[in-house]
Amino acid sequence: MAFGVYSLLEAAVLCLNAVCVLNEERFLSKLPGWGGSHVQGFGEEPGIKTQIFHFIRSVKTVMKYPLIPLNICIILFKLIFG
């Protein structure tokens, strides 16, 4: 299988799907720091763990509905062209 733009797009969609299906109550709440209990001071930059958690929440919020038609297009493309 050749590595091309379609393979890169498919890998990105699969990674976004993986982030979107993470369940906060069952999986993410067990990770330390997920609850957001850490209080930051003024001007203090958030740590890398906090930034990752915010990124996961943002991806889940923004990409939930655009991923549905994108997944349908990829599935149809795979069915038609193999």
C-alpha atoms as a PDB file:
ATOM      1  CA  MET A   1       0.000   0.000   0.000  1.00  0.00           C
ATOM      2  CA  ALA A   2       1.426   3.329  -1.029  1.00  0.00           C
ATOM      3  CA  PHE A   3       1.624   6.214   1.395  1.00  0.00           C
ATOM      4  CA  GLY A   4      -0.265   9.171  -0.004  1.00  0.00           C
ATOM      5  CA  VAL A   5      -2.568  12.017   0.850  1.00  0.00           C
ATOM      6  CA  TYR A   6      -5.553   9.687   1.222  1.00  0.00           C
ATOM      7  CA  SER A   7      -3.666   7.477   3.681  1.00  0.00           C
ATOM      8  CA  LEU A   8      -2.716  10.542   5.695  1.00  0.00           C
ATOM      9  CA  LEU A   9      -6.333  11.765   5.692  1.00  0.00           C
ATOM     10  CA  GLU A  10      -7.587   8.351   6.737  1.00  0.00           C
ATOM     11  CA  ALA A  11      -5.072   8.161   9.595  1.00  0.00           C
ATOM     12  CA  ALA A  12      -6.099  11.623  10.807  1.00  0.00           C
ATOM     13  CA  VAL A  13      -9.786  10.676  10.746  1.00  0.00           C
ATOM     14  CA  LEU A  14      -9.066   7.471  12.659  1.00  0.00           C
ATOM     15  CA  CYS A  15      -7.158   9.431  15.331  1.00  0.00           C
ATOM     16  CA  LEU A  16     -10.003  11.948  15.632  1.00  0.00           C
ATOM     17  CA  ASN A  17     -12.464   9.068  15.960  1.00  0.00           C
ATOM     18  CA  ALA A  18     -10.339   7.593  18.738  1.00  0.00           C
ATOM     19  CA  VAL A  19     -10.350  10.884  20.652  1.00  0.00           C
ATOM     20  CA  CYS A  20     -14.094  11.406  20.164  1.00  0.00           C
ATOM     21  CA  VAL A  21     -15.124   8.004  21.504  1.00  0.00           C
ATOM     22  CA  LEU A  22     -13.264   8.399  24.796  1.00  0.00           C
ATOM     23  CA  ASN A  23     -15.806   8.278  27.592  1.00  0.00           C
ATOM     24  CA  GLU A  24     -15.172  10.869  30.300  1.00  0.00           C
ATOM     25  CA  GLU A  25     -16.926   8.967  33.075  1.00  0.00           C
ATOM     26  CA  ARG A  26     -15.391   5.545  32.451  1.00  0.00           C
ATOM     27  CA  PHE A  27     -11.907   6.268  31.131  1.00  0.00           C
ATOM     28  CA  LEU A  28     -10.862   9.880  31.493  1.00  0.00           C
ATOM     29  CA  SER A  29     -12.083  10.418  35.066  1.00  0.00           C
ATOM     30  CA  LYS A  30      -9.593   7.780  36.279  1.00  0.00           C
ATOM     31  CA  LEU A  31      -6.690   9.879  35.022  1.00  0.00           C
ATOM     32  CA  PRO A  32      -5.267  12.258  37.632  1.00  0.00           C
ATOM     33  CA  GLY A  33      -6.012  15.904  36.916  1.00  0.00           C
ATOM     34  CA  TRP A  34      -8.958  15.308  34.573  1.00  0.00           C
ATOM     35  CA  GLY A  35     -11.497  16.890  36.898  1.00  0.00           C
ATOM     36  CA  GLY A  36      -9.934  20.325  36.610  1.00  0.00           C
ATOM     37  CA  SER A  37      -9.477  20.676  40.366  1.00  0.00           C
ATOM     38  CA  HIS A  38      -6.102  22.397  39.943  1.00  0.00           C
ATOM     39  CA  VAL A  39      -6.462  26.142  40.498  1.00  0.00           C
ATOM     40  CA  GLN A  40      -4.101  28.311  38.496  1.00  0.00           C
ATOM     41  CA  GLY A  41      -2.763  31.629  39.598  1.00  0.00           C
ATOM     42  CA  PHE A  42      -2.931  34.744  37.478  1.00  0.00           C
ATOM     43  CA  GLY A  43      -0.361  34.585  34.688  1.00  0.00           C
ATOM     44  CA  GLU A  44       0.553  30.992  35.446  1.00  0.00           C
ATOM     45  CA  GLU A  45       0.692  28.841  32.323  1.00  0.00           C
ATOM     46  CA  PRO A  46      -1.147  25.508  32.411  1.00  0.00           C
ATOM     47  CA  GLY A  47       0.904  22.344  32.410  1.00  0.00           C
ATOM     48  CA  ILE A  48       1.151  19.926  29.511  1.00  0.00           C
ATOM     49  CA  LYS A  49      -1.376  17.531  31.105  1.00  0.00           C
ATOM     50  CA  THR A  50      -3.949  20.311  31.429  1.00  0.00           C
ATOM     51  CA  GLN A  51      -3.345  21.372  27.837  1.00  0.00           C
ATOM     52  CA  ILE A  52      -3.864  17.795  26.609  1.00  0.00           C
ATOM     53  CA  PHE A  53      -7.111  17.511  28.580  1.00  0.00           C
ATOM     54  CA  HIS A  54      -8.356  20.807  27.140  1.00  0.00           C
ATOM     55  CA  PHE A  55      -7.370  19.630  23.647  1.00  0.00           C
ATOM     56  CA  ILE A  56      -9.328  16.378  24.092  1.00  0.00           C
ATOM     57  CA  ARG A  57     -12.419  18.259  25.288  1.00  0.00           C
ATOM     58  CA  SER A  58     -12.129  20.724  22.404  1.00  0.00           C
ATOM     59  CA  VAL A  59     -11.808  17.971  19.802  1.00  0.00           C
ATOM     60  CA  LYS A  60     -14.791  16.137  21.285  1.00  0.00           C
ATOM     61  CA  THR A  61     -16.869  19.314  21.210  1.00  0.00           C
ATOM     62  CA  VAL A  62     -15.917  20.623  17.784  1.00  0.00           C
ATOM     63  CA  MET A  63     -15.394  17.463  15.716  1.00  0.00           C
ATOM     64  CA  LYS A  64     -18.285  15.299  16.911  1.00  0.00           C
ATOM     65  CA  TYR A  65     -20.730  16.184  14.128  1.00  0.00           C
ATOM     66  CA  PRO A  66     -18.341  16.893  11.203  1.00  0.00           C
ATOM     67  CA  LEU A  67     -16.811  13.440  11.676  1.00  0.00           C
ATOM     68  CA  ILE A  68     -20.076  11.687  10.837  1.00  0.00           C
ATOM     69  CA  PRO A  69     -20.243  12.739   7.147  1.00  0.00           C
ATOM     70  CA  LEU A  70     -16.470  12.402   6.851  1.00  0.00           C
ATOM     71  CA  ASN A  71     -16.654   8.797   8.073  1.00  0.00           C
ATOM     72  CA  ILE A  72     -19.507   8.083   5.653  1.00  0.00           C
ATOM     73  CA  CYS A  73     -17.456   9.465   2.744  1.00  0.00           C
ATOM     74  CA  ILE A  74     -14.435   7.368   3.683  1.00  0.00           C
ATOM     75  CA  ILE A  75     -16.554   4.223   4.043  1.00  0.00           C
ATOM     76  CA  LEU A  76     -18.216   4.806   0.668  1.00  0.00           C
ATOM     77  CA  PHE A  77     -14.842   5.475  -0.956  1.00  0.00           C
ATOM     78  CA  LYS A  78     -13.479   2.215   0.497  1.00  0.00           C
ATOM     79  CA  LEU A  79     -16.548   0.290  -0.681  1.00  0.00           C
ATOM     80  CA  ILE A  80     -16.366   1.661  -4.220  1.00  0.00           C
ATOM     81  CA  PHE A  81     -12.626   1.682  -4.864  1.00  0.00           C
ATOM     82  CA  GLY A  82     -11.498  -1.079  -2.508  1.00  0.00           C
END
